[in-house]
């Protein structure tokens, strides 16, 4: 859903922006076009300067179909078929109501990052996106699903070589939040996106 950042999310975005302002040689900033990601990216740009945010709808969070916007505990009662599809362990299970399967999300997310790689070979790029997309990128890099939490405004660094080898260099780094006291739990507390910073070689 296209919700805005809350005040905690704005504080987290500002802490992230301050951190990224010290990262050398960022060549571009890409973002999901959903409001919470875009505001985070715009906060980064305002602090780092010299960039415009490049919006990419393929960096959006997974579409959950009929369970979109429902609380997890109520989804089973309100939309039992969609809830079963959402809860399925099958990666090809589509969610009724226009929702995506995990495989569809994986293809969309990894294709987007590969397109970005082709445009910025040998460069450092910041990508502001969402937990579902980041899980898909992890799956591409590690050939397995990520089981933990994706923390708000966490920094995840993926190096992508010219021969399309994906290597995780850092994962779930929230030092910028720990130093400012804006650290909060992942999903459901603040709808702040996370950052993937691919180093494209």
N, C-alpha and C. Protein backbone atom coordinates (compact mmCIF):
# COMPACT_ATOMS: atom_id res chain seq x y z
N UNK A 1 0.84 -1.18 0.00
CA UNK A 1 0.00 0.00 0.00
C UNK A 1 0.88 1.24 0.00
N UNK A 2 0.34 2.31 -0.47
CA UNK A 2 1.14 3.53 -0.63
C UNK A 2 0.94 4.46 0.56
N UNK A 3 1.51 4.07 1.69
CA UNK A 3 1.41 4.89 2.91
C UNK A 3 2.62 5.80 3.02
N UNK A 4 2.45 6.89 3.75
CA UNK A 4 3.54 7.84 3.96
C UNK A 4 4.37 7.44 5.17
N UNK A 5 5.55 8.03 5.29
CA UNK A 5 6.36 7.83 6.48
C UNK A 5 5.68 8.47 7.68
N UNK A 6 5.83 7.84 8.85
CA UNK A 6 5.42 8.51 10.08
C UNK A 6 6.63 9.27 10.63
N UNK A 7 6.49 9.89 11.79
CA UNK A 7 7.57 10.73 12.32
C UNK A 7 8.82 9.91 12.63
N UNK A 8 8.64 8.72 13.17
CA UNK A 8 9.81 7.86 13.43
C UNK A 8 10.50 7.52 12.11
N UNK A 9 9.71 7.21 11.09
CA UNK A 9 10.28 6.92 9.77
C UNK A 9 11.08 8.08 9.22
N UNK A 10 10.60 9.31 9.43
CA UNK A 10 11.34 10.48 8.96
C UNK A 10 12.65 10.65 9.72
N UNK A 11 12.64 10.37 11.02
CA UNK A 11 13.87 10.44 11.80
C UNK A 11 14.86 9.38 11.34
N UNK A 12 14.35 8.17 11.06
CA UNK A 12 15.22 7.11 10.57
C UNK A 12 15.80 7.47 9.21
N UNK A 13 14.98 8.04 8.33
CA UNK A 13 15.45 8.44 7.00
C UNK A 13 16.54 9.51 7.12
N UNK A 14 16.36 10.45 8.03
CA UNK A 14 17.37 11.50 8.23
C UNK A 14 18.69 10.90 8.73
N UNK A 15 18.61 9.93 9.64
CA UNK A 15 19.83 9.26 10.14
C UNK A 15 20.53 8.51 9.01
N UNK A 16 19.75 7.85 8.18
CA UNK A 16 20.31 7.13 7.04
C UNK A 16 20.96 8.11 6.07
N UNK A 17 20.29 9.21 5.79
CA UNK A 17 20.84 10.20 4.86
C UNK A 17 22.17 10.75 5.35
N UNK A 18 22.24 11.03 6.64
CA UNK A 18 23.49 11.53 7.22
C UNK A 18 24.61 10.51 7.03
N UNK A 19 24.29 9.25 7.26
CA UNK A 19 25.29 8.19 7.06
C UNK A 19 25.74 8.13 5.60
N UNK A 20 24.79 8.13 4.68
CA UNK A 20 25.14 8.00 3.27
C UNK A 20 25.86 9.22 2.73
N UNK A 21 25.70 10.37 3.39
CA UNK A 21 26.41 11.58 2.95
C UNK A 21 27.93 11.41 3.10
N UNK A 22 28.35 10.44 3.90
CA UNK A 22 29.78 10.18 4.11
C UNK A 22 30.31 9.06 3.22
N UNK A 23 29.44 8.48 2.40
CA UNK A 23 29.86 7.40 1.49
C UNK A 23 30.38 8.03 0.20
N UNK A 24 31.62 7.71 -0.18
CA UNK A 24 32.18 8.33 -1.39
C UNK A 24 31.62 7.72 -2.67
N UNK A 25 31.59 8.54 -3.69
CA UNK A 25 31.38 8.09 -5.06
C UNK A 25 30.04 7.39 -5.31
N UNK A 26 28.98 7.90 -4.72
CA UNK A 26 27.64 7.42 -5.10
C UNK A 26 27.31 8.05 -6.46
N UNK A 27 26.93 7.22 -7.41
CA UNK A 27 26.71 7.75 -8.77
C UNK A 27 25.24 7.97 -9.09
N UNK A 28 24.33 7.32 -8.35
CA UNK A 28 22.90 7.49 -8.63
C UNK A 28 22.09 6.98 -7.45
N UNK A 29 20.86 7.49 -7.34
CA UNK A 29 19.93 7.05 -6.32
C UNK A 29 18.62 6.65 -6.99
N UNK A 30 18.26 5.38 -6.85
CA UNK A 30 17.02 4.84 -7.38
C UNK A 30 16.06 4.59 -6.23
N UNK A 31 14.77 4.64 -6.53
CA UNK A 31 13.77 4.40 -5.49
C UNK A 31 12.51 3.80 -6.07
N UNK A 32 11.85 2.99 -5.26
CA UNK A 32 10.46 2.64 -5.50
C UNK A 32 9.68 3.94 -5.60
N UNK A 33 8.60 3.93 -6.36
CA UNK A 33 7.78 5.14 -6.47
C UNK A 33 6.70 5.23 -5.40
N UNK A 34 6.67 4.29 -4.45
CA UNK A 34 5.74 4.40 -3.33
C UNK A 34 6.21 5.50 -2.38
N UNK A 35 5.27 6.21 -1.76
CA UNK A 35 5.56 7.43 -1.02
C UNK A 35 6.64 7.26 0.05
N UNK A 36 6.57 6.17 0.83
CA UNK A 36 7.52 6.02 1.93
C UNK A 36 8.95 5.84 1.44
N UNK A 37 9.11 5.12 0.33
CA UNK A 37 10.45 4.95 -0.25
C UNK A 37 10.91 6.25 -0.89
N UNK A 38 10.02 6.88 -1.63
CA UNK A 38 10.38 8.11 -2.34
C UNK A 38 10.77 9.21 -1.36
N UNK A 39 10.03 9.34 -0.26
CA UNK A 39 10.39 10.35 0.74
C UNK A 39 11.75 10.04 1.36
N UNK A 40 12.03 8.76 1.60
CA UNK A 40 13.34 8.38 2.14
C UNK A 40 14.43 8.75 1.14
N UNK A 41 14.23 8.42 -0.13
CA UNK A 41 15.21 8.74 -1.16
C UNK A 41 15.41 10.26 -1.29
N UNK A 42 14.32 11.00 -1.23
CA UNK A 42 14.42 12.46 -1.33
C UNK A 42 15.15 13.06 -0.13
N UNK A 43 15.00 12.44 1.03
CA UNK A 43 15.75 12.87 2.22
C UNK A 43 17.25 12.63 2.01
N UNK A 44 17.58 11.50 1.42
CA UNK A 44 18.98 11.20 1.11
C UNK A 44 19.54 12.23 0.13
N UNK A 45 18.78 12.53 -0.92
CA UNK A 45 19.21 13.50 -1.92
C UNK A 45 19.40 14.88 -1.30
N UNK A 46 18.48 15.28 -0.43
CA UNK A 46 18.57 16.60 0.19
C UNK A 46 19.84 16.72 1.04
N UNK A 47 20.28 15.61 1.62
CA UNK A 47 21.48 15.63 2.46
C UNK A 47 22.75 15.46 1.63
N UNK A 48 22.70 14.57 0.65
CA UNK A 48 23.89 14.28 -0.16
C UNK A 48 24.07 15.25 -1.31
N UNK A 49 22.98 15.85 -1.79
CA UNK A 49 23.05 16.79 -2.90
C UNK A 49 23.36 16.11 -4.21
N UNK A 50 23.38 16.90 -5.27
CA UNK A 50 23.83 16.58 -6.63
C UNK A 50 23.09 15.45 -7.35
N UNK A 51 22.04 14.91 -6.76
CA UNK A 51 21.32 13.82 -7.41
C UNK A 51 19.87 14.19 -7.62
N UNK A 52 19.25 13.48 -8.53
CA UNK A 52 17.80 13.42 -8.62
C UNK A 52 17.43 11.98 -8.39
N UNK A 53 16.32 11.75 -7.73
CA UNK A 53 15.87 10.38 -7.50
C UNK A 53 15.32 9.82 -8.80
N UNK A 54 15.77 8.63 -9.16
CA UNK A 54 15.26 7.93 -10.33
C UNK A 54 14.21 6.94 -9.84
N UNK A 55 12.94 7.18 -10.20
CA UNK A 55 11.85 6.34 -9.72
C UNK A 55 11.71 5.10 -10.59
N UNK A 56 11.54 3.96 -9.94
CA UNK A 56 11.38 2.69 -10.65
C UNK A 56 10.25 1.90 -10.01
N UNK A 57 9.10 1.80 -10.66
CA UNK A 57 7.97 1.05 -10.10
C UNK A 57 8.28 -0.42 -9.85
N UNK A 58 9.29 -0.96 -10.52
CA UNK A 58 9.66 -2.36 -10.30
C UNK A 58 10.34 -2.58 -8.95
N UNK A 59 10.63 -1.50 -8.23
CA UNK A 59 11.20 -1.60 -6.88
C UNK A 59 10.12 -1.54 -5.81
N UNK A 60 8.85 -1.54 -6.22
CA UNK A 60 7.74 -1.51 -5.25
C UNK A 60 7.70 -2.78 -4.40
N UNK A 61 7.04 -2.66 -3.26
CA UNK A 61 6.81 -3.82 -2.41
C UNK A 61 5.90 -4.82 -3.13
N UNK A 62 5.93 -6.05 -2.68
CA UNK A 62 5.08 -7.10 -3.25
C UNK A 62 3.60 -6.71 -3.12
N UNK A 63 2.85 -6.94 -4.18
CA UNK A 63 1.41 -6.72 -4.14
C UNK A 63 0.77 -7.95 -3.51
N UNK A 64 -0.02 -7.74 -2.46
CA UNK A 64 -0.59 -8.85 -1.70
C UNK A 64 -2.04 -9.15 -2.05
N UNK A 65 -2.52 -8.59 -3.15
CA UNK A 65 -3.87 -8.93 -3.60
C UNK A 65 -4.93 -8.61 -2.57
N UNK A 66 -5.84 -9.57 -2.34
CA UNK A 66 -6.98 -9.35 -1.46
C UNK A 66 -6.60 -9.18 0.01
N UNK A 67 -5.40 -9.58 0.41
CA UNK A 67 -5.00 -9.38 1.81
C UNK A 67 -4.26 -8.06 2.02
N UNK A 68 -4.05 -7.31 0.93
CA UNK A 68 -3.38 -6.02 1.03
C UNK A 68 -4.14 -5.11 2.00
N UNK A 69 -3.42 -4.56 2.96
CA UNK A 69 -4.01 -3.62 3.91
C UNK A 69 -4.71 -4.24 5.10
N UNK A 70 -4.83 -5.57 5.12
CA UNK A 70 -5.48 -6.24 6.25
C UNK A 70 -4.44 -6.60 7.32
N UNK A 71 -4.86 -6.60 8.57
CA UNK A 71 -4.02 -7.13 9.63
C UNK A 71 -3.91 -8.64 9.45
N UNK A 72 -2.75 -9.19 9.76
CA UNK A 72 -2.51 -10.61 9.56
C UNK A 72 -3.57 -11.46 10.25
N UNK A 73 -3.91 -11.08 11.47
CA UNK A 73 -4.86 -11.90 12.25
C UNK A 73 -6.29 -11.85 11.70
N UNK A 74 -6.63 -10.78 10.96
CA UNK A 74 -7.98 -10.69 10.41
C UNK A 74 -8.07 -11.22 8.98
N UNK A 75 -6.94 -11.35 8.30
CA UNK A 75 -6.94 -11.77 6.90
C UNK A 75 -7.55 -13.16 6.72
N UNK A 76 -7.26 -14.07 7.66
CA UNK A 76 -7.77 -15.45 7.55
C UNK A 76 -9.30 -15.47 7.59
N UNK A 77 -9.92 -14.56 8.33
CA UNK A 77 -11.38 -14.52 8.43
C UNK A 77 -12.01 -13.77 7.26
N UNK A 78 -11.39 -12.66 6.87
CA UNK A 78 -11.97 -11.80 5.84
C UNK A 78 -11.79 -12.39 4.44
N UNK A 79 -10.60 -12.91 4.17
CA UNK A 79 -10.27 -13.44 2.83
C UNK A 79 -9.54 -14.76 2.96
N UNK A 80 -10.23 -15.83 3.34
CA UNK A 80 -9.54 -17.09 3.62
C UNK A 80 -8.75 -17.65 2.44
N UNK A 81 -9.27 -17.54 1.22
CA UNK A 81 -8.55 -18.08 0.06
C UNK A 81 -7.26 -17.29 -0.18
N UNK A 82 -7.34 -15.98 -0.13
CA UNK A 82 -6.15 -15.14 -0.33
C UNK A 82 -5.16 -15.35 0.81
N UNK A 83 -5.67 -15.51 2.01
CA UNK A 83 -4.80 -15.75 3.17
C UNK A 83 -4.03 -17.06 3.00
N UNK A 84 -4.71 -18.11 2.55
CA UNK A 84 -4.03 -19.40 2.32
C UNK A 84 -2.96 -19.26 1.24
N UNK A 85 -3.28 -18.52 0.20
CA UNK A 85 -2.29 -18.31 -0.87
C UNK A 85 -1.09 -17.53 -0.35
N UNK A 86 -1.36 -16.49 0.44
CA UNK A 86 -0.28 -15.68 1.01
C UNK A 86 0.59 -16.52 1.95
N UNK A 87 -0.02 -17.42 2.69
CA UNK A 87 0.70 -18.24 3.68
C UNK A 87 1.38 -19.46 3.06
N UNK A 88 1.10 -19.74 1.80
CA UNK A 88 1.65 -20.92 1.14
C UNK A 88 3.17 -20.87 1.08
N UNK A 89 3.79 -22.03 1.17
CA UNK A 89 5.25 -22.13 1.02
C UNK A 89 5.66 -22.24 -0.45
N UNK A 90 4.68 -22.38 -1.33
CA UNK A 90 4.98 -22.47 -2.76
C UNK A 90 5.37 -21.09 -3.29
N UNK A 91 6.50 -21.00 -3.94
CA UNK A 91 6.95 -19.71 -4.45
C UNK A 91 6.20 -19.28 -5.71
N UNK A 92 5.48 -20.21 -6.34
CA UNK A 92 4.72 -19.86 -7.54
C UNK A 92 3.24 -19.57 -7.24
N UNK A 93 2.88 -19.52 -5.96
CA UNK A 93 1.48 -19.31 -5.56
C UNK A 93 1.10 -17.84 -5.70
N UNK A 94 0.20 -17.55 -6.63
CA UNK A 94 -0.30 -16.19 -6.83
C UNK A 94 -1.39 -15.92 -5.80
N UNK A 95 -1.48 -14.69 -5.32
CA UNK A 95 -2.50 -14.31 -4.34
C UNK A 95 -3.71 -13.73 -5.08
N UNK A 96 -4.90 -14.26 -4.84
CA UNK A 96 -6.10 -13.72 -5.50
C UNK A 96 -6.25 -12.21 -5.28
N UNK A 97 -6.81 -11.55 -6.28
CA UNK A 97 -7.01 -10.11 -6.18
C UNK A 97 -5.86 -9.31 -6.78
N UNK A 98 -5.10 -9.95 -7.66
CA UNK A 98 -3.99 -9.25 -8.32
C UNK A 98 -2.68 -9.32 -7.58
N UNK A 99 -2.59 -10.16 -6.56
CA UNK A 99 -1.35 -10.30 -5.81
C UNK A 99 -0.29 -11.09 -6.55
N UNK A 100 0.96 -10.87 -6.16
CA UNK A 100 2.09 -11.51 -6.81
C UNK A 100 2.52 -12.77 -6.07
N UNK A 101 3.02 -13.72 -6.83
CA UNK A 101 3.71 -14.85 -6.22
C UNK A 101 5.12 -14.40 -5.84
N UNK A 102 5.78 -15.17 -5.00
CA UNK A 102 7.17 -14.87 -4.65
C UNK A 102 8.07 -14.94 -5.88
N UNK A 103 7.76 -15.85 -6.79
CA UNK A 103 8.54 -15.96 -8.03
C UNK A 103 8.37 -14.71 -8.91
N UNK A 104 7.15 -14.19 -8.99
CA UNK A 104 6.93 -12.97 -9.77
C UNK A 104 7.67 -11.79 -9.15
N UNK A 105 7.62 -11.68 -7.82
CA UNK A 105 8.36 -10.63 -7.13
C UNK A 105 9.86 -10.77 -7.38
N UNK A 106 10.35 -11.99 -7.29
CA UNK A 106 11.77 -12.27 -7.51
C UNK A 106 12.20 -11.80 -8.91
N UNK A 107 11.43 -12.17 -9.90
CA UNK A 107 11.77 -11.80 -11.28
C UNK A 107 11.75 -10.28 -11.45
N UNK A 108 10.73 -9.63 -10.93
CA UNK A 108 10.60 -8.17 -11.05
C UNK A 108 11.77 -7.46 -10.36
N UNK A 109 12.07 -7.88 -9.13
CA UNK A 109 13.11 -7.20 -8.34
C UNK A 109 14.50 -7.42 -8.92
N UNK A 110 14.82 -8.66 -9.25
CA UNK A 110 16.16 -8.94 -9.76
C UNK A 110 16.36 -8.35 -11.16
N UNK A 111 15.31 -8.34 -11.97
CA UNK A 111 15.42 -7.72 -13.29
C UNK A 111 15.68 -6.22 -13.16
N UNK A 112 15.02 -5.58 -12.20
CA UNK A 112 15.22 -4.15 -11.98
C UNK A 112 16.67 -3.88 -11.59
N UNK A 113 17.20 -4.65 -10.65
CA UNK A 113 18.58 -4.40 -10.22
C UNK A 113 19.58 -4.70 -11.34
N UNK A 114 19.29 -5.70 -12.15
CA UNK A 114 20.18 -5.99 -13.28
C UNK A 114 20.17 -4.86 -14.30
N UNK A 115 19.01 -4.25 -14.54
CA UNK A 115 18.94 -3.09 -15.45
C UNK A 115 19.76 -1.93 -14.89
N UNK A 116 19.65 -1.72 -13.58
CA UNK A 116 20.41 -0.64 -12.94
C UNK A 116 21.91 -0.93 -13.10
N UNK A 117 22.31 -2.18 -12.91
CA UNK A 117 23.72 -2.58 -13.06
C UNK A 117 24.24 -2.24 -14.45
N UNK A 118 23.45 -2.54 -15.45
CA UNK A 118 23.88 -2.32 -16.83
C UNK A 118 24.10 -0.84 -17.11
N UNK A 119 23.34 0.03 -16.42
CA UNK A 119 23.49 1.47 -16.63
C UNK A 119 24.65 2.07 -15.85
N UNK A 120 25.11 1.38 -14.80
CA UNK A 120 26.09 1.97 -13.88
C UNK A 120 27.23 0.99 -13.59
N UNK A 121 27.74 0.35 -14.60
CA UNK A 121 28.83 -0.61 -14.42
C UNK A 121 30.02 0.05 -13.73
N UNK A 122 30.53 -0.62 -12.69
CA UNK A 122 31.70 -0.11 -11.97
C UNK A 122 31.40 1.01 -11.00
N UNK A 123 30.14 1.29 -10.75
CA UNK A 123 29.74 2.42 -9.90
C UNK A 123 29.01 1.95 -8.65
N UNK A 124 28.91 2.85 -7.67
CA UNK A 124 28.13 2.61 -6.45
C UNK A 124 26.79 3.32 -6.61
N UNK A 125 25.71 2.56 -6.42
CA UNK A 125 24.36 3.08 -6.59
C UNK A 125 23.57 2.80 -5.32
N UNK A 126 22.76 3.75 -4.90
CA UNK A 126 21.86 3.56 -3.76
C UNK A 126 20.47 3.23 -4.32
N UNK A 127 19.86 2.17 -3.78
CA UNK A 127 18.52 1.76 -4.19
C UNK A 127 17.65 1.73 -2.93
N UNK A 128 16.61 2.53 -2.91
CA UNK A 128 15.70 2.59 -1.77
C UNK A 128 14.47 1.76 -2.13
N UNK A 129 14.23 0.70 -1.36
CA UNK A 129 13.15 -0.21 -1.70
C UNK A 129 12.54 -0.81 -0.44
N UNK A 130 11.88 -1.94 -0.56
CA UNK A 130 11.07 -2.49 0.51
C UNK A 130 11.52 -3.91 0.88
N UNK A 131 11.02 -4.38 2.02
CA UNK A 131 11.45 -5.66 2.57
C UNK A 131 11.28 -6.84 1.63
N UNK A 132 10.14 -6.92 0.95
CA UNK A 132 9.92 -8.04 0.04
C UNK A 132 10.91 -8.05 -1.11
N UNK A 133 11.21 -6.88 -1.64
CA UNK A 133 12.19 -6.77 -2.72
C UNK A 133 13.57 -7.16 -2.21
N UNK A 134 13.92 -6.68 -1.02
CA UNK A 134 15.24 -7.00 -0.47
C UNK A 134 15.37 -8.49 -0.21
N UNK A 135 14.31 -9.13 0.24
CA UNK A 135 14.34 -10.59 0.41
C UNK A 135 14.59 -11.30 -0.93
N UNK A 136 13.96 -10.79 -1.99
CA UNK A 136 14.17 -11.38 -3.31
C UNK A 136 15.62 -11.20 -3.77
N UNK A 137 16.20 -10.04 -3.51
CA UNK A 137 17.59 -9.80 -3.89
C UNK A 137 18.54 -10.69 -3.09
N UNK A 138 18.22 -10.91 -1.83
CA UNK A 138 19.00 -11.83 -1.01
C UNK A 138 18.93 -13.24 -1.59
N UNK A 139 17.74 -13.65 -1.97
CA UNK A 139 17.55 -14.98 -2.56
C UNK A 139 18.40 -15.13 -3.82
N UNK A 140 18.48 -14.06 -4.63
CA UNK A 140 19.30 -14.11 -5.85
C UNK A 140 20.78 -14.23 -5.49
N UNK A 141 21.24 -13.50 -4.48
CA UNK A 141 22.65 -13.50 -4.12
C UNK A 141 23.08 -14.78 -3.40
N UNK A 142 22.17 -15.36 -2.60
CA UNK A 142 22.54 -16.49 -1.73
C UNK A 142 21.90 -17.81 -2.12
N UNK A 143 21.02 -17.80 -3.12
CA UNK A 143 20.32 -19.01 -3.57
C UNK A 143 19.50 -19.66 -2.46
N UNK A 144 19.02 -18.86 -1.53
CA UNK A 144 18.12 -19.35 -0.48
C UNK A 144 17.31 -18.16 0.03
N UNK A 145 16.22 -18.45 0.72
CA UNK A 145 15.36 -17.40 1.24
C UNK A 145 15.92 -16.84 2.54
N UNK A 146 15.72 -15.54 2.74
CA UNK A 146 16.12 -14.89 3.99
C UNK A 146 15.00 -15.06 5.00
N UNK A 147 15.31 -15.53 6.19
CA UNK A 147 14.29 -15.86 7.19
C UNK A 147 14.13 -14.80 8.28
N UNK A 148 15.04 -13.86 8.40
CA UNK A 148 14.98 -12.88 9.50
C UNK A 148 14.15 -11.66 9.14
N UNK A 149 14.25 -10.65 9.99
CA UNK A 149 13.55 -9.38 9.77
C UNK A 149 14.39 -8.47 8.87
N UNK A 150 13.73 -7.71 8.04
CA UNK A 150 14.37 -6.64 7.29
C UNK A 150 14.08 -5.36 8.08
N UNK A 151 15.09 -4.81 8.69
CA UNK A 151 14.90 -3.66 9.56
C UNK A 151 14.76 -2.37 8.75
N UNK A 152 13.97 -1.46 9.26
CA UNK A 152 13.73 -0.19 8.59
C UNK A 152 15.03 0.58 8.42
N UNK A 153 15.24 1.11 7.25
CA UNK A 153 16.42 1.86 6.82
C UNK A 153 17.73 1.10 7.02
N UNK A 154 17.66 -0.23 7.07
CA UNK A 154 18.90 -1.00 7.14
C UNK A 154 19.66 -0.86 5.83
N UNK A 155 20.98 -0.93 5.94
CA UNK A 155 21.85 -0.85 4.77
C UNK A 155 22.29 -2.26 4.41
N UNK A 156 22.03 -2.64 3.18
CA UNK A 156 22.38 -3.96 2.67
C UNK A 156 23.21 -3.74 1.41
N UNK A 157 24.44 -4.20 1.41
CA UNK A 157 25.34 -3.95 0.29
C UNK A 157 25.53 -5.23 -0.50
N UNK A 158 25.20 -5.14 -1.79
CA UNK A 158 25.36 -6.27 -2.71
C UNK A 158 26.32 -5.84 -3.81
N UNK A 159 27.38 -6.60 -3.98
CA UNK A 159 28.31 -6.35 -5.08
C UNK A 159 27.92 -7.26 -6.24
N UNK A 160 27.81 -6.67 -7.42
CA UNK A 160 27.44 -7.42 -8.61
C UNK A 160 28.57 -7.27 -9.62
N UNK A 161 29.20 -8.38 -9.95
CA UNK A 161 30.33 -8.34 -10.88
C UNK A 161 29.86 -8.36 -12.32
N UNK A 162 30.77 -8.08 -13.23
CA UNK A 162 30.46 -8.05 -14.65
C UNK A 162 29.98 -9.37 -15.19
N UNK A 163 30.37 -10.47 -14.52
CA UNK A 163 29.90 -11.78 -14.96
C UNK A 163 28.66 -12.23 -14.18
N UNK A 164 27.94 -11.24 -13.62
CA UNK A 164 26.66 -11.46 -12.96
C UNK A 164 26.75 -12.33 -11.71
N UNK A 165 27.84 -12.18 -10.96
CA UNK A 165 27.97 -12.84 -9.67
C UNK A 165 27.56 -11.83 -8.60
N UNK A 166 26.57 -12.21 -7.78
CA UNK A 166 26.06 -11.34 -6.72
C UNK A 166 26.67 -11.78 -5.40
N UNK A 167 27.27 -10.83 -4.67
CA UNK A 167 27.91 -11.11 -3.39
C UNK A 167 27.42 -10.12 -2.35
N UNK A 168 26.97 -10.62 -1.22
CA UNK A 168 26.54 -9.74 -0.13
C UNK A 168 27.77 -9.31 0.66
N UNK A 169 27.97 -7.99 0.74
CA UNK A 169 29.10 -7.42 1.47
C UNK A 169 28.70 -6.92 2.86
N UNK A 170 27.45 -6.56 3.04
CA UNK A 170 26.93 -6.15 4.35
C UNK A 170 25.43 -6.42 4.34
N UNK A 171 24.88 -6.76 5.51
CA UNK A 171 23.46 -7.08 5.57
C UNK A 171 22.85 -6.59 6.88
N UNK A 172 21.75 -5.87 6.76
CA UNK A 172 20.99 -5.46 7.94
C UNK A 172 21.71 -4.48 8.84
N UNK A 173 22.59 -3.67 8.29
CA UNK A 173 23.41 -2.74 9.07
C UNK A 173 22.55 -1.53 9.47
N UNK A 174 22.39 -1.35 10.78
CA UNK A 174 21.62 -0.20 11.29
C UNK A 174 22.43 0.62 12.28
N UNK A 175 23.75 0.67 12.11
CA UNK A 175 24.59 1.46 13.01
C UNK A 175 24.13 2.90 13.10
N UNK A 176 23.67 3.46 11.98
CA UNK A 176 23.20 4.86 11.97
C UNK A 176 21.99 5.05 12.88
N UNK A 177 21.18 4.02 13.09
CA UNK A 177 20.03 4.12 13.99
C UNK A 177 20.44 3.90 15.43
N UNK A 178 21.36 2.98 15.66
CA UNK A 178 21.82 2.72 17.03
C UNK A 178 22.49 3.95 17.63
N UNK A 179 23.17 4.74 16.81
CA UNK A 179 23.87 5.92 17.30
C UNK A 179 22.93 7.08 17.61
N UNK A 180 21.74 7.08 17.02
CA UNK A 180 20.83 8.20 17.21
C UNK A 180 19.62 7.85 18.09
N UNK A 181 19.49 6.59 18.45
CA UNK A 181 18.35 6.19 19.27
C UNK A 181 17.07 5.99 18.49
N UNK A 182 17.15 5.91 17.15
CA UNK A 182 15.95 5.73 16.33
C UNK A 182 15.76 4.29 15.90
N UNK A 183 16.45 3.38 16.56
CA UNK A 183 16.33 1.97 16.20
C UNK A 183 15.00 1.42 16.71
N UNK A 184 14.28 0.77 15.80
CA UNK A 184 13.01 0.14 16.17
C UNK A 184 12.92 -1.18 15.45
N UNK A 185 11.98 -2.01 15.86
CA UNK A 185 11.84 -3.31 15.22
C UNK A 185 11.43 -3.16 13.77
N UNK A 186 11.52 -4.26 13.03
CA UNK A 186 11.30 -4.23 11.59
C UNK A 186 9.85 -4.05 11.21
N UNK A 187 9.27 -5.03 10.60
CA UNK A 187 7.96 -4.94 9.97
C UNK A 187 6.88 -4.51 10.96
N UNK A 188 6.09 -3.53 10.54
CA UNK A 188 4.88 -3.20 11.28
C UNK A 188 5.00 -2.04 12.25
N UNK A 189 6.21 -1.56 12.54
CA UNK A 189 6.34 -0.46 13.49
C UNK A 189 6.40 0.86 12.74
N UNK A 190 7.28 0.94 11.79
CA UNK A 190 7.41 2.14 10.98
C UNK A 190 7.57 1.69 9.54
N UNK A 191 6.83 2.26 8.66
CA UNK A 191 6.85 1.81 7.27
C UNK A 191 7.99 2.48 6.50
N UNK A 192 9.19 2.42 7.05
CA UNK A 192 10.34 3.02 6.41
C UNK A 192 11.04 1.99 5.56
N UNK A 193 11.34 2.30 4.31
CA UNK A 193 12.00 1.33 3.45
C UNK A 193 13.45 1.11 3.85
N UNK A 194 14.02 0.08 3.31
CA UNK A 194 15.42 -0.21 3.50
C UNK A 194 16.18 0.14 2.23
N UNK A 195 17.48 0.11 2.36
CA UNK A 195 18.35 0.52 1.26
C UNK A 195 19.21 -0.65 0.83
N UNK A 196 19.28 -0.85 -0.45
CA UNK A 196 20.26 -1.76 -1.02
C UNK A 196 21.27 -0.87 -1.73
N UNK A 197 22.53 -1.04 -1.40
CA UNK A 197 23.55 -0.23 -2.04
C UNK A 197 24.44 -1.14 -2.88
N UNK A 198 24.01 -1.42 -4.11
CA UNK A 198 24.83 -2.31 -4.91
C UNK A 198 26.12 -1.65 -5.36
N UNK A 199 27.20 -2.37 -5.19
CA UNK A 199 28.48 -1.93 -5.74
C UNK A 199 28.65 -2.70 -7.03
N UNK A 200 28.57 -2.02 -8.14
CA UNK A 200 28.51 -2.68 -9.44
C UNK A 200 29.91 -2.70 -10.04
N UNK A 201 30.46 -3.90 -10.20
CA UNK A 201 31.82 -3.99 -10.73
C UNK A 201 31.83 -4.75 -12.03
